[in-house]
Protein backbone atom coordinates (compact mmCIF):
# COMPACT_ATOMS: atom_id res chain seq x y z
CA MET A 1 -25.86 -232.90 -112.51
CA SER A 2 -23.15 -235.56 -112.69
CA THR A 3 -23.30 -238.64 -110.43
CA LEU A 4 -20.25 -237.47 -108.48
CA ASN A 5 -21.81 -234.06 -107.74
CA TRP A 6 -25.11 -235.73 -106.74
CA LEU A 7 -23.27 -237.91 -104.15
CA ARG A 8 -21.55 -234.83 -102.71
CA SER A 9 -24.83 -233.19 -101.72
CA PRO A 10 -25.70 -233.60 -98.01
CA ARG A 11 -29.27 -234.67 -98.78
CA ALA A 12 -28.11 -237.41 -101.18
CA ALA A 13 -25.46 -238.61 -98.75
CA LEU A 14 -28.07 -238.85 -95.98
CA ALA A 15 -30.42 -240.79 -98.28
CA ALA A 16 -27.63 -243.20 -99.22
CA MET A 17 -26.77 -243.78 -95.54
CA ALA A 18 -30.43 -244.40 -94.66
CA LEU A 19 -30.74 -246.91 -97.51
CA GLY A 20 -27.59 -248.70 -96.38
CA LEU A 21 -28.77 -248.81 -92.76
CA ALA A 22 -32.14 -250.24 -93.81
CA ALA A 23 -30.39 -252.99 -95.77
CA VAL A 24 -28.16 -253.92 -92.84
CA LEU A 25 -30.98 -253.92 -90.28
CA GLY A 26 -33.16 -256.02 -92.55
CA ALA A 27 -30.69 -258.90 -92.11
CA CYS A 28 -30.24 -258.70 -88.35
CA GLY A 29 -32.95 -260.97 -86.94
CA PRO A 30 -36.34 -260.93 -85.28
CA GLY A 31 -37.92 -257.54 -84.73
CA VAL A 32 -35.97 -255.87 -87.50
CA GLY A 33 -37.11 -257.83 -90.54
CA GLY A 34 -35.03 -261.03 -90.38
CA THR A 35 -35.83 -264.53 -89.20
CA GLY A 36 -33.29 -264.71 -86.38
CA THR A 37 -31.85 -268.02 -87.64
CA GLY A 38 -28.95 -266.74 -89.75
CA GLU A 39 -26.73 -266.02 -86.79
CA THR A 40 -26.61 -269.60 -85.51
CA ASN A 41 -26.25 -271.03 -89.03
CA GLY A 42 -23.33 -268.65 -89.48
CA ALA A 43 -21.66 -270.10 -86.39
CA LEU A 44 -21.94 -273.62 -87.82
CA ALA A 45 -20.11 -272.39 -90.93
CA PHE A 46 -17.56 -270.44 -88.85
CA PHE A 47 -16.54 -273.61 -86.99
CA GLY A 48 -16.82 -275.86 -90.07
CA ALA A 49 -19.66 -277.82 -88.45
CA SER A 50 -22.75 -279.38 -89.97
CA GLU A 51 -26.18 -279.22 -88.42
CA ALA A 52 -27.09 -282.46 -86.65
CA SER A 53 -29.94 -283.66 -84.50
CA VAL A 54 -29.81 -282.67 -80.84
CA CYS A 55 -31.40 -286.09 -80.27
CA SER A 56 -28.04 -287.66 -81.13
CA GLY A 57 -26.41 -286.13 -78.03
CA ASP A 58 -26.56 -286.09 -74.24
CA LEU A 59 -29.68 -283.93 -74.14
CA ALA A 60 -31.82 -286.61 -75.83
CA GLY A 61 -33.19 -287.93 -72.52
CA VAL A 62 -33.86 -284.45 -71.16
CA LEU A 63 -35.75 -283.51 -74.34
CA SER A 64 -37.78 -286.75 -74.46
CA CYS A 65 -36.24 -287.79 -77.76
CA ALA A 66 -36.46 -291.34 -79.00
CA PRO A 67 -33.36 -293.36 -78.03
CA PRO A 68 -30.27 -291.40 -79.15
CA SER A 69 -29.04 -292.09 -82.66
CA ALA A 70 -26.89 -290.23 -85.13
CA THR A 71 -29.72 -290.25 -87.67
CA ALA A 72 -32.50 -288.98 -85.37
CA ALA A 73 -34.36 -286.02 -86.81
CA PRO A 74 -34.14 -282.64 -85.08
CA LEU A 75 -37.07 -281.48 -82.99
CA PRO A 76 -37.88 -278.20 -84.73
CA ASN A 77 -41.31 -277.55 -83.22
CA THR A 78 -40.99 -278.93 -79.72
CA ALA A 79 -42.05 -277.02 -76.63
CA PRO A 80 -39.15 -275.32 -74.85
CA VAL A 81 -37.38 -277.16 -72.05
CA TYR A 82 -35.86 -275.05 -69.28
CA LEU A 83 -32.86 -275.98 -67.17
CA ALA A 84 -31.38 -273.90 -64.37
CA ASP A 85 -28.68 -274.17 -61.74
CA SER A 86 -31.35 -273.80 -59.02
CA SER A 87 -35.09 -274.41 -58.96
CA ASP A 88 -36.05 -271.37 -56.83
CA GLY A 89 -33.75 -268.68 -58.22
CA TRP A 90 -31.06 -269.12 -60.82
CA ARG A 91 -27.78 -267.67 -61.97
CA VAL A 92 -27.72 -269.68 -65.18
CA LEU A 93 -30.84 -270.43 -67.23
CA VAL A 94 -30.86 -272.69 -70.27
CA ARG A 95 -33.71 -272.84 -72.77
CA VAL A 96 -33.66 -275.61 -75.37
CA GLN A 97 -36.18 -275.82 -78.19
CA GLY A 98 -35.57 -278.19 -81.06
CA ASN A 99 -31.94 -277.93 -82.15
CA GLU A 100 -31.51 -274.45 -80.67
CA ILE A 101 -30.35 -273.33 -77.26
CA GLU A 102 -30.20 -270.06 -75.37
CA VAL A 103 -28.13 -269.65 -72.21
CA THR A 104 -28.54 -266.63 -69.95
CA ALA A 105 -26.05 -265.98 -67.15
CA PRO A 106 -26.66 -262.41 -65.89
CA CYS A 107 -24.11 -262.62 -63.07
CA ALA A 108 -21.41 -263.57 -65.56
CA ARG A 109 -22.79 -260.97 -68.00
CA LEU A 110 -23.10 -263.63 -70.68
CA GLN A 111 -25.74 -264.73 -73.12
CA PHE A 112 -25.33 -267.45 -75.73
CA ARG A 113 -27.52 -268.63 -78.60
CA GLY A 114 -26.59 -271.62 -80.70
CA ARG A 115 -27.62 -274.54 -82.87
CA TRP A 116 -26.68 -278.22 -82.41
CA GLY A 117 -24.08 -279.47 -84.85
CA ALA A 118 -21.06 -281.70 -85.26
CA ILE A 119 -17.64 -281.64 -86.85
CA GLY A 120 -16.73 -284.99 -88.39
CA ASN A 121 -16.72 -287.76 -85.79
CA GLN A 122 -16.39 -285.38 -82.82
CA ALA A 123 -19.11 -285.27 -80.19
CA GLY A 124 -21.90 -282.85 -81.07
CA ARG A 125 -22.30 -279.49 -79.38
CA PHE A 126 -24.03 -276.17 -79.81
CA PHE A 127 -22.34 -273.68 -82.14
CA GLY A 128 -23.36 -270.06 -81.79
CA TYR A 129 -22.50 -266.64 -80.48
CA THR A 130 -22.10 -265.04 -77.09
CA ASP A 131 -23.92 -261.76 -76.57
CA PRO A 132 -25.63 -262.19 -79.95
CA ASP A 133 -27.63 -258.95 -79.71
CA VAL A 134 -24.74 -256.69 -78.68
CA ALA A 135 -21.28 -257.79 -79.81
CA PRO A 136 -21.53 -261.33 -81.24
CA ALA A 137 -18.49 -263.53 -80.70
CA PRO A 138 -18.32 -267.15 -81.96
CA ALA A 139 -18.52 -269.74 -79.19
CA THR A 140 -19.46 -273.36 -78.51
CA LEU A 141 -21.47 -274.94 -75.71
CA GLN A 142 -20.76 -278.50 -74.66
CA THR A 143 -23.32 -280.52 -72.72
CA GLN A 144 -22.73 -283.67 -70.71
CA LEU A 145 -25.10 -285.72 -68.58
CA SER A 146 -23.96 -285.47 -64.99
CA GLY A 147 -25.82 -287.00 -62.06
CA ALA A 148 -29.44 -285.82 -62.13
CA GLY A 149 -28.76 -283.02 -64.57
CA VAL A 150 -26.59 -281.70 -67.33
CA SER A 151 -23.20 -280.05 -67.11
CA VAL A 152 -22.74 -277.15 -69.54
CA THR A 153 -19.47 -275.50 -70.53
CA LEU A 154 -19.27 -272.43 -72.75
CA ARG A 155 -16.03 -271.82 -74.67
CA ASP A 156 -14.90 -269.04 -76.98
CA ALA A 157 -13.60 -269.66 -80.51
CA GLN A 158 -10.09 -270.33 -79.16
CA GLY A 159 -11.38 -272.95 -76.68
CA LEU A 160 -11.04 -270.81 -73.54
CA VAL A 161 -13.75 -271.44 -70.93
CA LEU A 162 -16.16 -268.51 -70.59
CA LEU A 163 -18.62 -270.25 -68.26
CA GLY A 164 -18.69 -273.56 -66.48
CA PRO A 165 -18.83 -276.28 -66.12
CA VAL A 166 -22.22 -275.48 -64.53
CA GLN A 167 -24.64 -278.16 -63.38
CA VAL A 168 -28.24 -277.47 -64.49
CA THR A 169 -31.43 -279.48 -64.03
CA VAL A 170 -34.86 -279.33 -65.64
CA VAL A 171 -37.17 -276.72 -64.11
CA PRO A 172 -40.87 -276.22 -64.94
CA ALA A 173 -40.53 -272.57 -66.02
CA PRO A 174 -37.83 -269.93 -66.39
CA GLY A 175 -38.40 -268.34 -62.96
CA THR A 176 -36.46 -265.29 -61.86
CA PRO A 177 -32.73 -264.74 -61.47
CA SER A 178 -31.26 -264.79 -58.00
CA GLY A 179 -28.90 -262.10 -56.80
CA CYS A 180 -25.25 -262.12 -57.77
CA SER A 181 -22.72 -262.43 -54.98
């Protein structure tokens, strides 16, 4: 049987599709065979950014980093730090661990995961994707110390604001979301 005839058989076509699907799913992230880190590294490349230490930015004090410096090492194995827009029920929850961040805003129907990086001499920020598990779209998250907390602003790849600025403060645990109104 020639190769062309073999590929025309329904059983062979199904086997080829299954093999292709297995290869794609193997690169998707945690729970399906991958590490889960490729997506945020891809965002750094998408924006032309280089990974940097989160300790070189505004979150250094919140994360108990040594005094901020551009050469500070990332905190890869630190315990997570949670920030929320309210301590008793939240609409925006931020989880920072090492150089990675995850923002959940159920009322805005947004989720963001990213990694701290910088482009040239610009201020550092998180580069990642919104809705990374459904329909990933490149985005950046800027942080700025503001009063007793941190102001976060999420922007799409064109710079349009998707969320924020939202004021968040450190909370002891993630808690539960409050209702949307």
